[in-house]
Amino acid sequence: MAAHLKKRVYEEFSKVVQIPHEEAPAKKLRLSKPSKSAALHIDLCKATNSTDALQYLLQFARKPVEAESVEGVIRILLEHYYKETDNSVRLKIASLLGLLSKTQGFSPDCIVDDSINTLSNEINLSSKSNSTLTKIR
């Protein structure tokens, strides 16, 4: 009996069964444009002085921005705002932040805290300045 079972198991496992291999559907590639935030970041990093940065910001302001890339653009602008010392560039960045927050389909809730903190820091820094204190008195 054991020999019969052994023979049967051997026959069963020695058979080669080929399962037809189904080809996976080809993946479709989708061409996409580079994001506005990446392009803006590269442009601002290329700027060697405040005039160049202002020119890049003015060029950027003329182009429409999609709602899905607004948050990334705002993060880049805030990051550059912290680093920038020229008031004209900072003013343009603040202006762009206001315009971008009005973009259809974008909820500005995610940047409100960052904007409030930035403006609070500006007020604190400017109020501690000697020239500001002398003008107030």
C-alpha atoms as a PDB file:
ATOM      1  CA  MET A   1       0.000   0.000   0.000  1.00  0.00           C
ATOM      2  CA  ALA A   2       2.814   2.388   0.924  1.00  0.00           C
ATOM      3  CA  ALA A   3       4.592   1.615  -2.336  1.00  0.00           C
ATOM      4  CA  HIS A   4       1.378   2.355  -4.274  1.00  0.00           C
ATOM      5  CA  LEU A   5       0.945   5.731  -2.501  1.00  0.00           C
ATOM      6  CA  LYS A   6       4.592   6.556  -3.056  1.00  0.00           C
ATOM      7  CA  LYS A   7       4.259   5.815  -6.759  1.00  0.00           C
ATOM      8  CA  ARG A   8       1.088   7.890  -7.024  1.00  0.00           C
ATOM      9  CA  VAL A   9       2.666  10.886  -5.239  1.00  0.00           C
ATOM     10  CA  TYR A  10       5.743  10.621  -7.443  1.00  0.00           C
ATOM     11  CA  GLU A  11       3.604  10.606 -10.610  1.00  0.00           C
ATOM     12  CA  GLU A  12       1.537  13.517  -9.374  1.00  0.00           C
ATOM     13  CA  PHE A  13       4.524  15.718  -8.577  1.00  0.00           C
ATOM     14  CA  SER A  14       6.577  14.781 -11.597  1.00  0.00           C
ATOM     15  CA  LYS A  15       4.034  16.158 -14.051  1.00  0.00           C
ATOM     16  CA  VAL A  16       4.894  19.534 -15.538  1.00  0.00           C
ATOM     17  CA  VAL A  17       1.933  21.827 -15.751  1.00  0.00           C
ATOM     18  CA  GLN A  18       2.330  24.964 -17.754  1.00  0.00           C
ATOM     19  CA  ILE A  19       0.061  27.810 -16.898  1.00  0.00           C
ATOM     20  CA  PRO A  20      -0.346  30.243 -19.752  1.00  0.00           C
ATOM     21  CA  HIS A  21       1.461  33.424 -18.820  1.00  0.00           C
ATOM     22  CA  GLU A  22      -0.745  36.455 -19.198  1.00  0.00           C
ATOM     23  CA  GLU A  23       1.123  39.513 -20.274  1.00  0.00           C
ATOM     24  CA  ALA A  24       0.735  42.415 -17.944  1.00  0.00           C
ATOM     25  CA  PRO A  25      -0.787  45.398 -19.652  1.00  0.00           C
ATOM     26  CA  ALA A  26       1.804  47.884 -20.741  1.00  0.00           C
ATOM     27  CA  LYS A  27       2.176  50.807 -18.405  1.00  0.00           C
ATOM     28  CA  LYS A  28       1.108  54.056 -19.910  1.00  0.00           C
ATOM     29  CA  LEU A  29       3.492  56.922 -19.495  1.00  0.00           C
ATOM     30  CA  ARG A  30       2.113  60.335 -18.987  1.00  0.00           C
ATOM     31  CA  LEU A  31       4.064  63.421 -19.890  1.00  0.00           C
ATOM     32  CA  SER A  32       3.888  66.082 -17.284  1.00  0.00           C
ATOM     33  CA  LYS A  33       5.163  69.588 -17.060  1.00  0.00           C
ATOM     34  CA  PRO A  34       7.762  70.386 -14.440  1.00  0.00           C
ATOM     35  CA  SER A  35       6.120  71.818 -11.365  1.00  0.00           C
ATOM     36  CA  LYS A  36       5.953  75.558 -10.928  1.00  0.00           C
ATOM     37  CA  SER A  37       7.490  75.304  -7.470  1.00  0.00           C
ATOM     38  CA  ALA A  38      10.579  73.512  -8.789  1.00  0.00           C
ATOM     39  CA  ALA A  39      11.027  76.025 -11.590  1.00  0.00           C
ATOM     40  CA  LEU A  40      10.628  78.954  -9.211  1.00  0.00           C
ATOM     41  CA  HIS A  41      13.065  77.453  -6.712  1.00  0.00           C
ATOM     42  CA  ILE A  42      15.674  76.957  -9.435  1.00  0.00           C
ATOM     43  CA  ASP A  43      15.183  80.513 -10.686  1.00  0.00           C
ATOM     44  CA  LEU A  44      15.467  82.014  -7.217  1.00  0.00           C
ATOM     45  CA  CYS A  45      18.580  79.962  -6.499  1.00  0.00           C
ATOM     46  CA  LYS A  46      20.138  81.225  -9.739  1.00  0.00           C
ATOM     47  CA  ALA A  47      19.575  84.837  -8.699  1.00  0.00           C
ATOM     48  CA  THR A  48      22.888  86.417  -7.788  1.00  0.00           C
ATOM     49  CA  ASN A  49      21.429  89.639  -6.422  1.00  0.00           C
ATOM     50  CA  SER A  50      18.102  91.125  -5.420  1.00  0.00           C
ATOM     51  CA  THR A  51      17.502  92.632  -8.871  1.00  0.00           C
ATOM     52  CA  ASP A  52      17.709  89.188 -10.483  1.00  0.00           C
ATOM     53  CA  ALA A  53      15.416  87.723  -7.852  1.00  0.00           C
ATOM     54  CA  LEU A  54      12.900  90.516  -8.441  1.00  0.00           C
ATOM     55  CA  GLN A  55      13.021  89.888 -12.197  1.00  0.00           C
ATOM     56  CA  TYR A  56      12.378  86.159 -11.690  1.00  0.00           C
ATOM     57  CA  LEU A  57       9.461  86.959  -9.399  1.00  0.00           C
ATOM     58  CA  LEU A  58       7.994  89.391 -11.927  1.00  0.00           C
ATOM     59  CA  GLN A  59       8.276  86.772 -14.689  1.00  0.00           C
ATOM     60  CA  PHE A  60       6.685  84.196 -12.425  1.00  0.00           C
ATOM     61  CA  ALA A  61       3.800  86.549 -11.584  1.00  0.00           C
ATOM     62  CA  ARG A  62       2.806  86.687 -15.277  1.00  0.00           C
ATOM     63  CA  LYS A  63       2.331  82.917 -15.542  1.00  0.00           C
ATOM     64  CA  PRO A  64      -0.791  81.104 -14.302  1.00  0.00           C
ATOM     65  CA  VAL A  65      -0.348  78.570 -11.492  1.00  0.00           C
ATOM     66  CA  GLU A  66      -2.427  75.386 -11.155  1.00  0.00           C
ATOM     67  CA  ALA A  67      -4.252  74.852  -7.866  1.00  0.00           C
ATOM     68  CA  GLU A  68      -2.362  71.622  -7.116  1.00  0.00           C
ATOM     69  CA  SER A  69       1.052  73.327  -7.273  1.00  0.00           C
ATOM     70  CA  VAL A  70       0.118  76.452  -5.288  1.00  0.00           C
ATOM     71  CA  GLU A  71       1.073  75.015  -1.900  1.00  0.00           C
ATOM     72  CA  GLY A  72       4.572  74.087  -3.094  1.00  0.00           C
ATOM     73  CA  VAL A  73       5.047  77.505  -4.665  1.00  0.00           C
ATOM     74  CA  ILE A  74       3.968  79.218  -1.448  1.00  0.00           C
ATOM     75  CA  ARG A  75       6.414  77.130   0.593  1.00  0.00           C
ATOM     76  CA  ILE A  76       9.244  78.120  -1.780  1.00  0.00           C
ATOM     77  CA  LEU A  77       8.244  81.782  -1.591  1.00  0.00           C
ATOM     78  CA  LEU A  78       8.114  81.719   2.214  1.00  0.00           C
ATOM     79  CA  GLU A  79      11.503  80.017   2.350  1.00  0.00           C
ATOM     80  CA  HIS A  80      12.994  82.678   0.109  1.00  0.00           C
ATOM     81  CA  TYR A  81      11.252  85.420   2.063  1.00  0.00           C
ATOM     82  CA  TYR A  82      13.110  84.365   5.219  1.00  0.00           C
ATOM     83  CA  LYS A  83      16.458  84.533   3.405  1.00  0.00           C
ATOM     84  CA  GLU A  84      15.891  87.771   1.486  1.00  0.00           C
ATOM     85  CA  THR A  85      17.172  91.079   2.845  1.00  0.00           C
ATOM     86  CA  ASP A  86      15.994  93.462   0.116  1.00  0.00           C
ATOM     87  CA  ASN A  87      12.640  95.018   0.951  1.00  0.00           C
ATOM     88  CA  SER A  88      11.462  95.285  -2.661  1.00  0.00           C
ATOM     89  CA  VAL A  89      11.876  91.538  -3.180  1.00  0.00           C
ATOM     90  CA  ARG A  90      10.185  90.801   0.133  1.00  0.00           C
ATOM     91  CA  LEU A  91       7.295  93.061  -0.843  1.00  0.00           C
ATOM     92  CA  LYS A  92       6.901  91.242  -4.179  1.00  0.00           C
ATOM     93  CA  ILE A  93       6.940  87.883  -2.397  1.00  0.00           C
ATOM     94  CA  ALA A  94       4.255  89.098   0.025  1.00  0.00           C
ATOM     95  CA  SER A  95       2.210  90.332  -2.928  1.00  0.00           C
ATOM     96  CA  LEU A  96       2.541  86.962  -4.678  1.00  0.00           C
ATOM     97  CA  LEU A  97       1.513  85.153  -1.497  1.00  0.00           C
ATOM     98  CA  GLY A  98      -1.665  87.215  -1.400  1.00  0.00           C
ATOM     99  CA  LEU A  99      -2.447  86.530  -5.051  1.00  0.00           C
ATOM    100  CA  LEU A 100      -1.740  82.810  -4.762  1.00  0.00           C
ATOM    101  CA  SER A 101      -3.965  82.456  -1.722  1.00  0.00           C
ATOM    102  CA  LYS A 102      -6.901  83.547  -3.901  1.00  0.00           C
ATOM    103  CA  THR A 103      -6.339  80.754  -6.454  1.00  0.00           C
ATOM    104  CA  GLN A 104      -9.513  78.806  -7.300  1.00  0.00           C
ATOM    105  CA  GLY A 105      -9.509  75.366  -5.699  1.00  0.00           C
ATOM    106  CA  PHE A 106      -6.794  76.186  -3.164  1.00  0.00           C
ATOM    107  CA  SER A 107      -7.492  76.399   0.544  1.00  0.00           C
ATOM    108  CA  PRO A 108      -5.098  78.888   2.156  1.00  0.00           C
ATOM    109  CA  ASP A 109      -5.570  77.340   5.601  1.00  0.00           C
ATOM    110  CA  CYS A 110      -2.296  75.450   5.279  1.00  0.00           C
ATOM    111  CA  ILE A 111      -0.230  78.627   4.944  1.00  0.00           C
ATOM    112  CA  VAL A 112      -2.032  80.939   7.336  1.00  0.00           C
ATOM    113  CA  ASP A 113       0.082  79.888  10.329  1.00  0.00           C
ATOM    114  CA  ASP A 114       3.340  80.354   8.414  1.00  0.00           C
ATOM    115  CA  SER A 115       2.243  83.768   7.194  1.00  0.00           C
ATOM    116  CA  ILE A 116       1.190  84.887  10.675  1.00  0.00           C
ATOM    117  CA  ASN A 117       4.499  83.729  12.161  1.00  0.00           C
ATOM    118  CA  THR A 118       6.459  85.504   9.432  1.00  0.00           C
ATOM    119  CA  LEU A 119       4.600  88.761   9.896  1.00  0.00           C
ATOM    120  CA  SER A 120       4.890  88.522  13.686  1.00  0.00           C
ATOM    121  CA  ASN A 121       8.646  88.068  13.386  1.00  0.00           C
ATOM    122  CA  GLU A 122       8.830  91.078  11.078  1.00  0.00           C
ATOM    123  CA  ILE A 123       6.918  93.239  13.524  1.00  0.00           C
ATOM    124  CA  ASN A 124       9.064  92.079  16.428  1.00  0.00           C
ATOM    125  CA  LEU A 125      12.304  92.684  14.528  1.00  0.00           C
ATOM    126  CA  SER A 126      11.276  96.090  13.257  1.00  0.00           C
ATOM    127  CA  SER A 127      10.016  97.226  16.664  1.00  0.00           C
ATOM    128  CA  LYS A 128      13.368  96.327  18.265  1.00  0.00           C
ATOM    129  CA  SER A 129      15.283  98.350  15.706  1.00  0.00           C
ATOM    130  CA  ASN A 130      16.868 101.541  17.066  1.00  0.00           C
ATOM    131  CA  SER A 131      15.763 103.597  14.086  1.00  0.00           C
ATOM    132  CA  THR A 132      12.184 102.438  14.556  1.00  0.00           C
ATOM    133  CA  LEU A 133      12.275 103.221  18.240  1.00  0.00           C
ATOM    134  CA  THR A 134      13.565 106.731  17.593  1.00  0.00           C
ATOM    135  CA  LYS A 135      10.847 107.336  15.026  1.00  0.00           C
ATOM    136  CA  ILE A 136       8.165 106.178  17.455  1.00  0.00           C
ATOM    137  CA  ARG A 137       9.365 108.494  20.263  1.00  0.00           C
END
